[in-house]
C-alpha atoms as a PDB file:
ATOM      1  CA  MET A   1     110.416  48.359 -73.197  1.00  0.00           C
ATOM      2  CA  THR A   2     112.377  50.403 -75.710  1.00  0.00           C
ATOM      3  CA  VAL A   3     115.408  49.109 -77.548  1.00  0.00           C
ATOM      4  CA  SER A   4     117.587  51.576 -75.646  1.00  0.00           C
ATOM      5  CA  ALA A   5     116.271  50.402 -72.264  1.00  0.00           C
ATOM      6  CA  SER A   6     116.693  46.766 -73.267  1.00  0.00           C
ATOM      7  CA  THR A   7     120.275  47.424 -74.364  1.00  0.00           C
ATOM      8  CA  THR A   8     121.045  49.213 -71.106  1.00  0.00           C
ATOM      9  CA  ALA A   9     119.608  46.343 -69.038  1.00  0.00           C
ATOM     10  CA  HIS A  10     121.637  43.855 -71.076  1.00  0.00           C
ATOM     11  CA  GLU A  11     124.817  45.864 -70.542  1.00  0.00           C
ATOM     12  CA  GLN A  12     124.167  46.114 -66.800  1.00  0.00           C
ATOM     13  CA  ALA A  13     123.576  42.358 -66.552  1.00  0.00           C
ATOM     14  CA  ARG A  14     126.765  41.685 -68.496  1.00  0.00           C
ATOM     15  CA  ALA A  15     128.728  44.095 -66.295  1.00  0.00           C
ATOM     16  CA  LYS A  16     127.393  42.361 -63.168  1.00  0.00           C
ATOM     17  CA  LEU A  17     128.301  38.919 -64.505  1.00  0.00           C
ATOM     18  CA  THR A  18     131.766  40.189 -65.391  1.00  0.00           C
ATOM     19  CA  GLY A  19     132.110  41.592 -61.877  1.00  0.00           C
ATOM     20  CA  VAL A  20     131.115  38.273 -60.318  1.00  0.00           C
ATOM     21  CA  LEU A  21     133.662  36.423 -62.453  1.00  0.00           C
ATOM     22  CA  LEU A  22     136.395  38.936 -61.600  1.00  0.00           C
ATOM     23  CA  ILE A  23     135.756  38.627 -57.844  1.00  0.00           C
ATOM     24  CA  ALA A  24     135.700  34.842 -58.191  1.00  0.00           C
ATOM     25  CA  VAL A  25     139.094  34.947 -59.928  1.00  0.00           C
ATOM     26  CA  SER A  26     140.441  37.268 -57.217  1.00  0.00           C
ATOM     27  CA  ALA A  27     139.154  35.104 -54.361  1.00  0.00           C
ATOM     28  CA  SER A  28     140.485  31.950 -56.009  1.00  0.00           C
ATOM     29  CA  ALA A  29     143.919  33.524 -56.528  1.00  0.00           C
ATOM     30  CA  PHE A  30     144.055  34.702 -52.918  1.00  0.00           C
ATOM     31  CA  GLY A  31     142.812  31.319 -51.735  1.00  0.00           C
ATOM     32  CA  ALA A  32     145.541  29.468 -53.619  1.00  0.00           C
ATOM     33  CA  MET A  33     148.321  31.470 -51.937  1.00  0.00           C
ATOM     34  CA  ALA A  34     148.650  29.163 -48.922  1.00  0.00           C
ATOM     35  CA  ILE A  35     148.930  26.166 -51.254  1.00  0.00           C
ATOM     36  CA  PHE A  36     151.675  27.809 -53.314  1.00  0.00           C
ATOM     37  CA  ALA A  37     153.471  28.615 -50.056  1.00  0.00           C
ATOM     38  CA  ARG A  38     153.442  24.972 -48.994  1.00  0.00           C
ATOM     39  CA  PHE A  39     155.018  23.971 -52.340  1.00  0.00           C
ATOM     40  CA  ALA A  40     157.694  26.678 -51.947  1.00  0.00           C
ATOM     41  CA  TYR A  41     158.507  25.488 -48.428  1.00  0.00           C
ATOM     42  CA  ALA A  42     158.754  21.896 -49.632  1.00  0.00           C
ATOM     43  CA  ALA A  43     161.302  23.076 -52.231  1.00  0.00           C
ATOM     44  CA  GLY A  44     163.545  24.576 -49.553  1.00  0.00           C
ATOM     45  CA  ALA A  45     162.329  28.157 -49.107  1.00  0.00           C
ATOM     46  CA  ASP A  46     161.815  29.667 -45.679  1.00  0.00           C
ATOM     47  CA  VAL A  47     159.374  32.414 -44.690  1.00  0.00           C
ATOM     48  CA  TYR A  48     162.004  35.171 -45.121  1.00  0.00           C
ATOM     49  CA  GLY A  49     163.021  34.128 -48.617  1.00  0.00           C
ATOM     50  CA  LEU A  50     159.402  33.588 -49.663  1.00  0.00           C
ATOM     51  CA  LEU A  51     158.208  36.996 -48.503  1.00  0.00           C
ATOM     52  CA  LEU A  52     161.248  38.817 -49.891  1.00  0.00           C
ATOM     53  CA  VAL A  53     160.629  37.399 -53.368  1.00  0.00           C
ATOM     54  CA  ARG A  54     156.885  37.924 -53.100  1.00  0.00           C
ATOM     55  CA  PHE A  55     157.046  41.598 -52.253  1.00  0.00           C
ATOM     56  CA  VAL A  56     159.898  42.471 -54.617  1.00  0.00           C
ATOM     57  CA  LEU A  57     158.155  40.867 -57.599  1.00  0.00           C
ATOM     58  CA  ALA A  58     154.771  42.302 -56.633  1.00  0.00           C
ATOM     59  CA  ALA A  59     156.168  45.819 -56.145  1.00  0.00           C
ATOM     60  CA  VAL A  60     157.903  45.758 -59.543  1.00  0.00           C
ATOM     61  CA  ALA A  61     154.803  44.422 -61.306  1.00  0.00           C
ATOM     62  CA  LEU A  62     152.485  46.945 -59.636  1.00  0.00           C
ATOM     63  CA  ALA A  63     154.868  49.816 -60.416  1.00  0.00           C
ATOM     64  CA  TRP A  64     154.714  48.731 -64.061  1.00  0.00           C
ATOM     65  CA  VAL A  65     150.894  48.736 -63.899  1.00  0.00           C
ATOM     66  CA  MET A  66     150.966  52.250 -62.436  1.00  0.00           C
ATOM     67  CA  ARG A  67     153.197  53.473 -65.229  1.00  0.00           C
ATOM     68  CA  THR A  68     151.200  51.874 -68.049  1.00  0.00           C
ATOM     69  CA  ARG A  69     147.922  53.240 -66.650  1.00  0.00           C
ATOM     70  CA  GLY A  70     149.343  56.667 -65.946  1.00  0.00           C
ATOM     71  CA  ILE A  71     148.672  56.464 -62.201  1.00  0.00           C
ATOM     72  CA  GLY A  72     150.659  59.038 -60.259  1.00  0.00           C
ATOM     73  CA  VAL A  73     152.527  58.617 -56.972  1.00  0.00           C
ATOM     74  CA  PRO A  74     150.494  59.822 -53.934  1.00  0.00           C
ATOM     75  CA  PRO A  75     151.579  62.981 -52.080  1.00  0.00           C
ATOM     76  CA  TRP A  76     154.721  62.362 -50.035  1.00  0.00           C
ATOM     77  CA  ARG A  77     152.912  62.748 -46.725  1.00  0.00           C
ATOM     78  CA  ARG A  78     150.592  59.956 -47.788  1.00  0.00           C
ATOM     79  CA  VAL A  79     153.530  57.920 -49.085  1.00  0.00           C
ATOM     80  CA  LEU A  80     155.159  57.997 -45.654  1.00  0.00           C
ATOM     81  CA  ALA A  81     151.934  56.907 -43.931  1.00  0.00           C
ATOM     82  CA  LEU A  82     151.378  54.118 -46.467  1.00  0.00           C
ATOM     83  CA  ALA A  83     154.994  53.022 -46.119  1.00  0.00           C
ATOM     84  CA  ALA A  84     154.483  52.723 -42.355  1.00  0.00           C
ATOM     85  CA  MET A  85     151.407  50.590 -42.994  1.00  0.00           C
ATOM     86  CA  GLY A  86     153.379  48.328 -45.293  1.00  0.00           C
ATOM     87  CA  GLY A  87     156.575  48.217 -43.271  1.00  0.00           C
ATOM     88  CA  ILE A  88     154.846  47.504 -39.966  1.00  0.00           C
ATOM     89  CA  GLY A  89     151.305  46.211 -40.401  1.00  0.00           C
ATOM     90  CA  TYR A  90     151.632  44.331 -43.673  1.00  0.00           C
ATOM     91  CA  VAL A  91     155.016  42.888 -42.746  1.00  0.00           C
ATOM     92  CA  GLY A  92     153.708  41.699 -39.378  1.00  0.00           C
ATOM     93  CA  GLN A  93     150.528  40.208 -40.816  1.00  0.00           C
ATOM     94  CA  SER A  94     152.240  38.407 -43.672  1.00  0.00           C
ATOM     95  CA  PHE A  95     154.968  37.048 -41.394  1.00  0.00           C
ATOM     96  CA  CYS A  96     152.401  35.599 -38.971  1.00  0.00           C
ATOM     97  CA  PHE A  97     150.273  34.134 -41.763  1.00  0.00           C
ATOM     98  CA  PHE A  98     153.097  32.459 -43.662  1.00  0.00           C
ATOM     99  CA  SER A  99     154.804  31.303 -40.458  1.00  0.00           C
ATOM    100  CA  ALA A 100     151.528  29.740 -39.307  1.00  0.00           C
ATOM    101  CA  LEU A 101     151.550  27.576 -42.439  1.00  0.00           C
ATOM    102  CA  ASN A 102     154.632  25.831 -41.053  1.00  0.00           C
ATOM    103  CA  HIS A 103     152.781  24.833 -37.891  1.00  0.00           C
ATOM    104  CA  ALA A 104     149.162  24.194 -38.905  1.00  0.00           C
ATOM    105  CA  GLN A 105     146.991  22.980 -41.748  1.00  0.00           C
ATOM    106  CA  ALA A 106     146.625  25.455 -44.613  1.00  0.00           C
ATOM    107  CA  SER A 107     142.850  25.080 -44.323  1.00  0.00           C
ATOM    108  CA  LEU A 108     142.927  25.875 -40.589  1.00  0.00           C
ATOM    109  CA  VAL A 109     145.118  28.960 -41.088  1.00  0.00           C
ATOM    110  CA  ALA A 110     142.875  30.238 -43.880  1.00  0.00           C
ATOM    111  CA  LEU A 111     139.713  29.884 -41.794  1.00  0.00           C
ATOM    112  CA  LEU A 112     141.300  31.556 -38.765  1.00  0.00           C
ATOM    113  CA  LEU A 113     142.461  34.476 -40.917  1.00  0.00           C
ATOM    114  CA  TYR A 114     138.924  34.947 -42.169  1.00  0.00           C
ATOM    115  CA  LEU A 115     137.857  35.997 -38.690  1.00  0.00           C
ATOM    116  CA  TYR A 116     139.275  39.425 -39.563  1.00  0.00           C
ATOM    117  CA  PRO A 117     135.939  41.029 -40.643  1.00  0.00           C
ATOM    118  CA  LEU A 118     134.586  40.269 -37.188  1.00  0.00           C
ATOM    119  CA  PHE A 119     137.688  41.663 -35.486  1.00  0.00           C
ATOM    120  CA  VAL A 120     137.391  44.827 -37.606  1.00  0.00           C
ATOM    121  CA  THR A 121     133.810  45.290 -36.388  1.00  0.00           C
ATOM    122  CA  ILE A 122     134.822  44.822 -32.737  1.00  0.00           C
ATOM    123  CA  LEU A 123     137.817  47.165 -33.017  1.00  0.00           C
ATOM    124  CA  ALA A 124     135.681  49.790 -34.755  1.00  0.00           C
ATOM    125  CA  ALA A 125     133.161  49.582 -31.916  1.00  0.00           C
ATOM    126  CA  VAL A 126     135.858  49.888 -29.235  1.00  0.00           C
ATOM    127  CA  PHE A 127     138.161  52.506 -30.745  1.00  0.00           C
ATOM    128  CA  LEU A 128     136.013  54.341 -33.295  1.00  0.00           C
ATOM    129  CA  LYS A 129     132.841  54.236 -31.177  1.00  0.00           C
ATOM    130  CA  GLU A 130     130.843  52.662 -33.990  1.00  0.00           C
ATOM    131  CA  ARG A 131     127.589  51.077 -32.870  1.00  0.00           C
ATOM    132  CA  LEU A 132     127.736  47.312 -32.337  1.00  0.00           C
ATOM    133  CA  THR A 133     124.647  46.193 -34.235  1.00  0.00           C
ATOM    134  CA  THR A 134     122.497  43.134 -33.696  1.00  0.00           C
ATOM    135  CA  ALA A 135     124.018  41.699 -36.890  1.00  0.00           C
ATOM    136  CA  ALA A 136     127.493  42.101 -35.413  1.00  0.00           C
ATOM    137  CA  VAL A 137     126.495  40.349 -32.186  1.00  0.00           C
ATOM    138  CA  ILE A 138     124.996  37.421 -34.125  1.00  0.00           C
ATOM    139  CA  ALA A 139     128.131  37.255 -36.271  1.00  0.00           C
ATOM    140  CA  LEU A 140     130.271  37.318 -33.114  1.00  0.00           C
ATOM    141  CA  ILE A 141     128.423  34.299 -31.723  1.00  0.00           C
ATOM    142  CA  LEU A 142     128.590  32.369 -35.005  1.00  0.00           C
ATOM    143  CA  CYS A 143     132.276  33.094 -35.567  1.00  0.00           C
ATOM    144  CA  SER A 144     133.252  32.399 -31.959  1.00  0.00           C
ATOM    145  CA  VAL A 145     131.570  28.989 -31.985  1.00  0.00           C
ATOM    146  CA  GLY A 146     132.944  28.348 -35.471  1.00  0.00           C
ATOM    147  CA  ALA A 147     136.483  29.247 -34.449  1.00  0.00           C
ATOM    148  CA  GLY A 148     136.304  26.890 -31.481  1.00  0.00           C
ATOM    149  CA  LEU A 149     135.104  24.008 -33.648  1.00  0.00           C
ATOM    150  CA  THR A 150     137.623  24.795 -36.393  1.00  0.00           C
ATOM    151  CA  VAL A 151     140.569  24.836 -33.993  1.00  0.00           C
ATOM    152  CA  GLY A 152     139.339  21.721 -32.225  1.00  0.00           C
ATOM    153  CA  GLY A 153     138.764  19.840 -35.464  1.00  0.00           C
ATOM    154  CA  GLY A 154     141.862  21.016 -37.346  1.00  0.00           C
ATOM    155  CA  GLU A 155     145.460  19.881 -37.143  1.00  0.00           C
ATOM    156  CA  GLY A 156     147.879  22.468 -35.827  1.00  0.00           C
ATOM    157  CA  SER A 157     150.199  23.212 -32.944  1.00  0.00           C
ATOM    158  CA  PRO A 158     149.322  25.911 -30.406  1.00  0.00           C
ATOM    159  CA  LEU A 159     151.990  28.093 -32.063  1.00  0.00           C
ATOM    160  CA  GLY A 160     150.379  27.690 -35.487  1.00  0.00           C
ATOM    161  CA  ILE A 161     146.932  28.542 -34.114  1.00  0.00           C
ATOM    162  CA  ALA A 162     148.318  31.566 -32.249  1.00  0.00           C
ATOM    163  CA  LEU A 163     150.089  32.815 -35.372  1.00  0.00           C
ATOM    164  CA  GLY A 164     146.933  32.364 -37.449  1.00  0.00           C
ATOM    165  CA  LEU A 165     144.890  34.370 -34.959  1.00  0.00           C
ATOM    166  CA  ALA A 166     147.646  36.999 -34.714  1.00  0.00           C
ATOM    167  CA  ALA A 167     147.559  37.405 -38.507  1.00  0.00           C
ATOM    168  CA  ALA A 168     143.812  38.064 -38.352  1.00  0.00           C
ATOM    169  CA  VAL A 169     144.143  40.561 -35.490  1.00  0.00           C
ATOM    170  CA  ILE A 170     147.038  42.455 -37.102  1.00  0.00           C
ATOM    171  CA  TYR A 171     145.176  42.599 -40.405  1.00  0.00           C
ATOM    172  CA  SER A 172     142.121  43.981 -38.605  1.00  0.00           C
ATOM    173  CA  VAL A 173     144.173  46.797 -37.056  1.00  0.00           C
ATOM    174  CA  TYR A 174     145.751  47.383 -40.469  1.00  0.00           C
ATOM    175  CA  ILE A 175     142.292  47.872 -42.000  1.00  0.00           C
ATOM    176  CA  ILE A 176     141.103  50.220 -39.247  1.00  0.00           C
ATOM    177  CA  VAL A 177     144.207  52.403 -39.639  1.00  0.00           C
ATOM    178  CA  GLY A 178     144.212  52.143 -43.408  1.00  0.00           C
ATOM    179  CA  ALA A 179     140.602  53.269 -43.729  1.00  0.00           C
ATOM    180  CA  ARG A 180     141.805  56.789 -42.883  1.00  0.00           C
ATOM    181  CA  VAL A 181     145.281  56.716 -44.353  1.00  0.00           C
ATOM    182  CA  THR A 182     144.169  55.492 -47.790  1.00  0.00           C
ATOM    183  CA  ALA A 183     141.155  57.783 -48.211  1.00  0.00           C
ATOM    184  CA  GLY A 184     141.277  59.514 -51.589  1.00  0.00           C
ATOM    185  CA  VAL A 185     144.348  57.634 -52.818  1.00  0.00           C
ATOM    186  CA  ASN A 186     144.235  55.407 -55.911  1.00  0.00           C
ATOM    187  CA  PRO A 187     144.017  51.801 -54.600  1.00  0.00           C
ATOM    188  CA  ILE A 188     146.665  50.508 -57.019  1.00  0.00           C
ATOM    189  CA  ALA A 189     149.060  53.280 -55.986  1.00  0.00           C
ATOM    190  CA  THR A 190     148.276  52.482 -52.348  1.00  0.00           C
ATOM    191  CA  THR A 191     149.078  48.803 -52.811  1.00  0.00           C
ATOM    192  CA  THR A 192     152.260  49.573 -54.753  1.00  0.00           C
ATOM    193  CA  VAL A 193     153.645  51.782 -51.978  1.00  0.00           C
ATOM    194  CA  ILE A 194     152.686  49.227 -49.304  1.00  0.00           C
ATOM    195  CA  CYS A 195     154.289  46.320 -51.191  1.00  0.00           C
ATOM    196  CA  THR A 196     157.422  48.381 -51.876  1.00  0.00           C
ATOM    197  CA  ALA A 197     157.766  49.238 -48.188  1.00  0.00           C
ATOM    198  CA  ALA A 198     157.324  45.582 -47.245  1.00  0.00           C
ATOM    199  CA  ALA A 199     159.945  44.580 -49.836  1.00  0.00           C
ATOM    200  CA  LEU A 200     162.421  47.065 -48.361  1.00  0.00           C
ATOM    201  CA  VAL A 201     161.821  45.762 -44.835  1.00  0.00           C
ATOM    202  CA  TYR A 202     162.282  42.131 -45.856  1.00  0.00           C
ATOM    203  CA  GLY A 203     165.343  43.126 -47.889  1.00  0.00           C
ATOM    204  CA  ALA A 204     166.853  44.744 -44.799  1.00  0.00           C
ATOM    205  CA  VAL A 205     165.963  41.713 -42.679  1.00  0.00           C
ATOM    206  CA  GLY A 206     167.568  39.483 -45.301  1.00  0.00           C
ATOM    207  CA  LEU A 207     170.813  41.480 -45.172  1.00  0.00           C
ATOM    208  CA  LEU A 208     170.860  41.337 -41.373  1.00  0.00           C
ATOM    209  CA  ARG A 209     170.318  37.594 -41.406  1.00  0.00           C
ATOM    210  CA  LEU A 210     173.014  37.228 -44.051  1.00  0.00           C
ATOM    211  CA  GLY A 211     175.427  39.113 -41.816  1.00  0.00           C
ATOM    212  CA  ALA A 212     174.485  36.848 -38.920  1.00  0.00           C
ATOM    213  CA  GLY A 213     175.211  33.762 -40.988  1.00  0.00           C
ATOM    214  CA  VAL A 214     171.561  32.716 -41.416  1.00  0.00           C
ATOM    215  CA  PRO A 215     170.572  34.052 -44.855  1.00  0.00           C
ATOM    216  CA  PRO A 216     167.048  33.695 -46.254  1.00  0.00           C
ATOM    217  CA  GLN A 217     166.442  30.333 -47.879  1.00  0.00           C
ATOM    218  CA  PHE A 218     165.180  30.128 -51.453  1.00  0.00           C
ATOM    219  CA  PRO A 219     163.741  27.156 -53.380  1.00  0.00           C
ATOM    220  CA  ALA A 220     166.178  24.582 -54.687  1.00  0.00           C
ATOM    221  CA  SER A 221     164.006  23.610 -57.650  1.00  0.00           C
ATOM    222  CA  ALA A 222     162.311  25.253 -60.616  1.00  0.00           C
ATOM    223  CA  GLY A 223     158.945  24.169 -59.238  1.00  0.00           C
ATOM    224  CA  GLY A 224     159.627  26.025 -55.994  1.00  0.00           C
ATOM    225  CA  TRP A 225     160.492  29.192 -57.882  1.00  0.00           C
ATOM    226  CA  LEU A 226     157.323  28.851 -59.945  1.00  0.00           C
ATOM    227  CA  ALA A 227     155.378  28.646 -56.685  1.00  0.00           C
ATOM    228  CA  LEU A 228     157.025  31.868 -55.475  1.00  0.00           C
ATOM    229  CA  ALA A 229     156.280  33.584 -58.780  1.00  0.00           C
ATOM    230  CA  ALA A 230     152.660  32.420 -58.510  1.00  0.00           C
ATOM    231  CA  ILE A 231     152.376  33.885 -55.002  1.00  0.00           C
ATOM    232  CA  ALA A 232     153.655  37.257 -56.220  1.00  0.00           C
ATOM    233  CA  LEU A 233     152.024  37.520 -59.638  1.00  0.00           C
ATOM    234  CA  LEU A 234     148.835  35.472 -59.304  1.00  0.00           C
ATOM    235  CA  SER A 235     147.957  35.558 -55.596  1.00  0.00           C
ATOM    236  CA  THR A 236     149.024  39.168 -55.113  1.00  0.00           C
ATOM    237  CA  VAL A 237     149.049  41.259 -58.314  1.00  0.00           C
ATOM    238  CA  LEU A 238     146.332  39.470 -60.312  1.00  0.00           C
ATOM    239  CA  ALA A 239     144.189  39.005 -57.199  1.00  0.00           C
ATOM    240  CA  ILE A 240     144.361  42.719 -56.382  1.00  0.00           C
ATOM    241  CA  LEU A 241     143.698  43.966 -59.920  1.00  0.00           C
ATOM    242  CA  THR A 242     140.754  41.631 -60.509  1.00  0.00           C
ATOM    243  CA  PHE A 243     139.262  42.520 -57.122  1.00  0.00           C
ATOM    244  CA  PHE A 244     139.308  46.249 -57.860  1.00  0.00           C
ATOM    245  CA  ALA A 245     137.913  45.640 -61.358  1.00  0.00           C
ATOM    246  CA  GLY A 246     135.079  43.551 -59.886  1.00  0.00           C
ATOM    247  CA  LEU A 247     134.517  46.074 -57.102  1.00  0.00           C
ATOM    248  CA  GLN A 248     133.836  48.797 -59.662  1.00  0.00           C
ATOM    249  CA  ARG A 249     131.103  46.673 -61.243  1.00  0.00           C
ATOM    250  CA  LEU A 250     129.454  45.243 -58.111  1.00  0.00           C
ATOM    251  CA  GLY A 251     130.086  47.608 -55.215  1.00  0.00           C
ATOM    252  CA  ALA A 252     131.666  46.894 -51.838  1.00  0.00           C
ATOM    253  CA  ALA A 253     128.816  44.886 -50.273  1.00  0.00           C
ATOM    254  CA  GLN A 254     128.484  42.283 -53.019  1.00  0.00           C
ATOM    255  CA  ALA A 255     132.252  42.107 -53.528  1.00  0.00           C
ATOM    256  CA  SER A 256     132.732  41.460 -49.801  1.00  0.00           C
ATOM    257  CA  MET A 257     130.193  38.658 -49.759  1.00  0.00           C
ATOM    258  CA  LEU A 258     131.622  36.994 -52.868  1.00  0.00           C
ATOM    259  CA  SER A 259     135.109  37.174 -51.340  1.00  0.00           C
ATOM    260  CA  THR A 260     134.048  34.549 -48.799  1.00  0.00           C
ATOM    261  CA  LEU A 261     134.835  32.125 -51.616  1.00  0.00           C
ATOM    262  CA  GLU A 262     138.516  32.595 -50.721  1.00  0.00           C
ATOM    263  CA  PRO A 263     138.843  30.293 -47.667  1.00  0.00           C
ATOM    264  CA  VAL A 264     136.603  27.756 -49.403  1.00  0.00           C
ATOM    265  CA  VAL A 265     139.123  27.608 -52.254  1.00  0.00           C
ATOM    266  CA  THR A 266     141.967  27.148 -49.757  1.00  0.00           C
ATOM    267  CA  VAL A 267     140.179  24.338 -47.952  1.00  0.00           C
ATOM    268  CA  LEU A 268     139.331  22.508 -51.188  1.00  0.00           C
ATOM    269  CA  LEU A 269     142.813  22.895 -52.676  1.00  0.00           C
ATOM    270  CA  ALA A 270     144.414  21.796 -49.393  1.00  0.00           C
ATOM    271  CA  ALA A 271     142.344  18.631 -49.469  1.00  0.00           C
ATOM    272  CA  LEU A 272     142.989  17.941 -53.166  1.00  0.00           C
ATOM    273  CA  LEU A 273     146.674  18.916 -53.478  1.00  0.00           C
ATOM    274  CA  LEU A 274     148.081  18.603 -49.957  1.00  0.00           C
ATOM    275  CA  GLY A 275     146.027  15.647 -48.768  1.00  0.00           C
ATOM    276  CA  GLU A 276     144.719  17.543 -45.750  1.00  0.00           C
ATOM    277  CA  HIS A 277     141.826  15.811 -44.047  1.00  0.00           C
ATOM    278  CA  ILE A 278     138.846  18.049 -43.425  1.00  0.00           C
ATOM    279  CA  GLY A 279     136.928  16.513 -40.523  1.00  0.00           C
ATOM    280  CA  GLY A 280     133.255  17.037 -39.819  1.00  0.00           C
ATOM    281  CA  THR A 281     133.927  19.270 -36.818  1.00  0.00           C
ATOM    282  CA  GLN A 282     136.260  21.534 -38.800  1.00  0.00           C
ATOM    283  CA  ALA A 283     133.814  21.666 -41.703  1.00  0.00           C
ATOM    284  CA  VAL A 284     130.983  22.756 -39.389  1.00  0.00           C
ATOM    285  CA  GLY A 285     133.261  25.308 -37.696  1.00  0.00           C
ATOM    286  CA  GLY A 286     134.405  26.733 -41.020  1.00  0.00           C
ATOM    287  CA  GLY A 287     130.808  26.916 -42.180  1.00  0.00           C
ATOM    288  CA  LEU A 288     129.837  28.882 -39.065  1.00  0.00           C
ATOM    289  CA  ILE A 289     132.720  31.334 -39.600  1.00  0.00           C
ATOM    290  CA  LEU A 290     131.661  31.927 -43.194  1.00  0.00           C
ATOM    291  CA  ALA A 291     128.017  32.212 -42.139  1.00  0.00           C
ATOM    292  CA  GLY A 292     128.975  34.838 -39.568  1.00  0.00           C
ATOM    293  CA  VAL A 293     130.978  36.826 -42.093  1.00  0.00           C
ATOM    294  CA  LEU A 294     128.186  36.634 -44.679  1.00  0.00           C
ATOM    295  CA  TRP A 295     125.602  37.675 -42.087  1.00  0.00           C
ATOM    296  CA  LEU A 296     127.762  40.610 -41.040  1.00  0.00           C
ATOM    297  CA  THR A 297     128.397  41.886 -44.588  1.00  0.00           C
ATOM    298  CA  ARG A 298     124.757  41.374 -45.614  1.00  0.00           C
ATOM    299  CA  ARG A 299     123.122  42.999 -42.602  1.00  0.00           C
ATOM    300  CA  SER A 300     125.629  45.670 -41.637  1.00  0.00           C
ATOM    301  CA  SER A 301     124.939  49.188 -42.824  1.00  0.00           C
ATOM    302  CA  ALA A 302     128.675  49.617 -43.467  1.00  0.00           C
ATOM    303  CA  PRO A 303     129.990  46.330 -44.880  1.00  0.00           C
ATOM    304  CA  THR A 304     133.357  45.151 -43.675  1.00  0.00           C
ATOM    305  CA  PRO A 305     136.097  45.656 -46.271  1.00  0.00           C
ATOM    306  CA  ALA A 306     137.051  42.568 -48.194  1.00  0.00           C
ATOM    307  CA  ARG A 307     140.615  41.316 -48.538  1.00  0.00           C
ATOM    308  CA  GLY A 308     141.426  43.276 -51.665  1.00  0.00           C
ATOM    309  CA  ASP A 309     140.073  46.566 -50.314  1.00  0.00           C
ATOM    310  CA  MET A 310     143.222  47.107 -48.303  1.00  0.00           C
ATOM    311  CA  GLN A 311     145.337  44.321 -49.793  1.00  0.00           C
ATOM    312  CA  GLU A 312     145.965  41.580 -47.380  1.00  0.00           C
ATOM    313  CA  ASN A 313     147.850  38.688 -46.811  1.00  0.00           C
END
């Protein structure tokens, strides 16, 4: 082996390791979001105040990233389509997810949300006429059994479970629509427009609630505000940027599989920091969901997008 070939192999190995670490950071940051939300709620915030602060801070930070990197604004026709995605799909998904955290365990909500790759596959088969492969059928069985065990073994009201499932379904539709809308657009610019649209919607909702005498509630302590800042800057901006950086080094398939670390992080942090009990039934159910997702992304000829591909939660 020549020195040049050896150097190239070393650089490729280093780039792959860097990519793995970046995806791990992204998945961990996304996974911690539900925990930060619980701390913000405990400090007095409600879902409207939390999401308003999250999207405003994230939009400002991402706009700054666009400017420093010289990333241009997409064509206005694309901007309008992306704004619709953010103002409807992203707002609906985030509202269901963060509302579910008020009615169910953070670990349960996280595992239910991670059914979205399966829902994307089913929706693509129904509406886009994509072939439902053997891998998808096996994943469907694993995830269906896993979801039943997870719900049965977790602690949550019917409303919390319904909201968690709704978040996964809405996010799946969001991905199917976004696959066409975002084609050819810089992913950071895409996310910036989507977050800005969501911030405007939650700002308008906040004004309406203020006029009705029920304004958004914000944290009453510095710790609560730190939790909100962490949701916006760590679990949104940092998570997105590190995912795209890792994606460039690993490719979509490996990045998708590594992203299954996300609900694992949520479950572990919920047990350590929130004192949530993870029973044997829920652990088996969660394992089956993750196994189904891993099987789907490994065997499918077109791997399901991971969270950061379209920016979720």
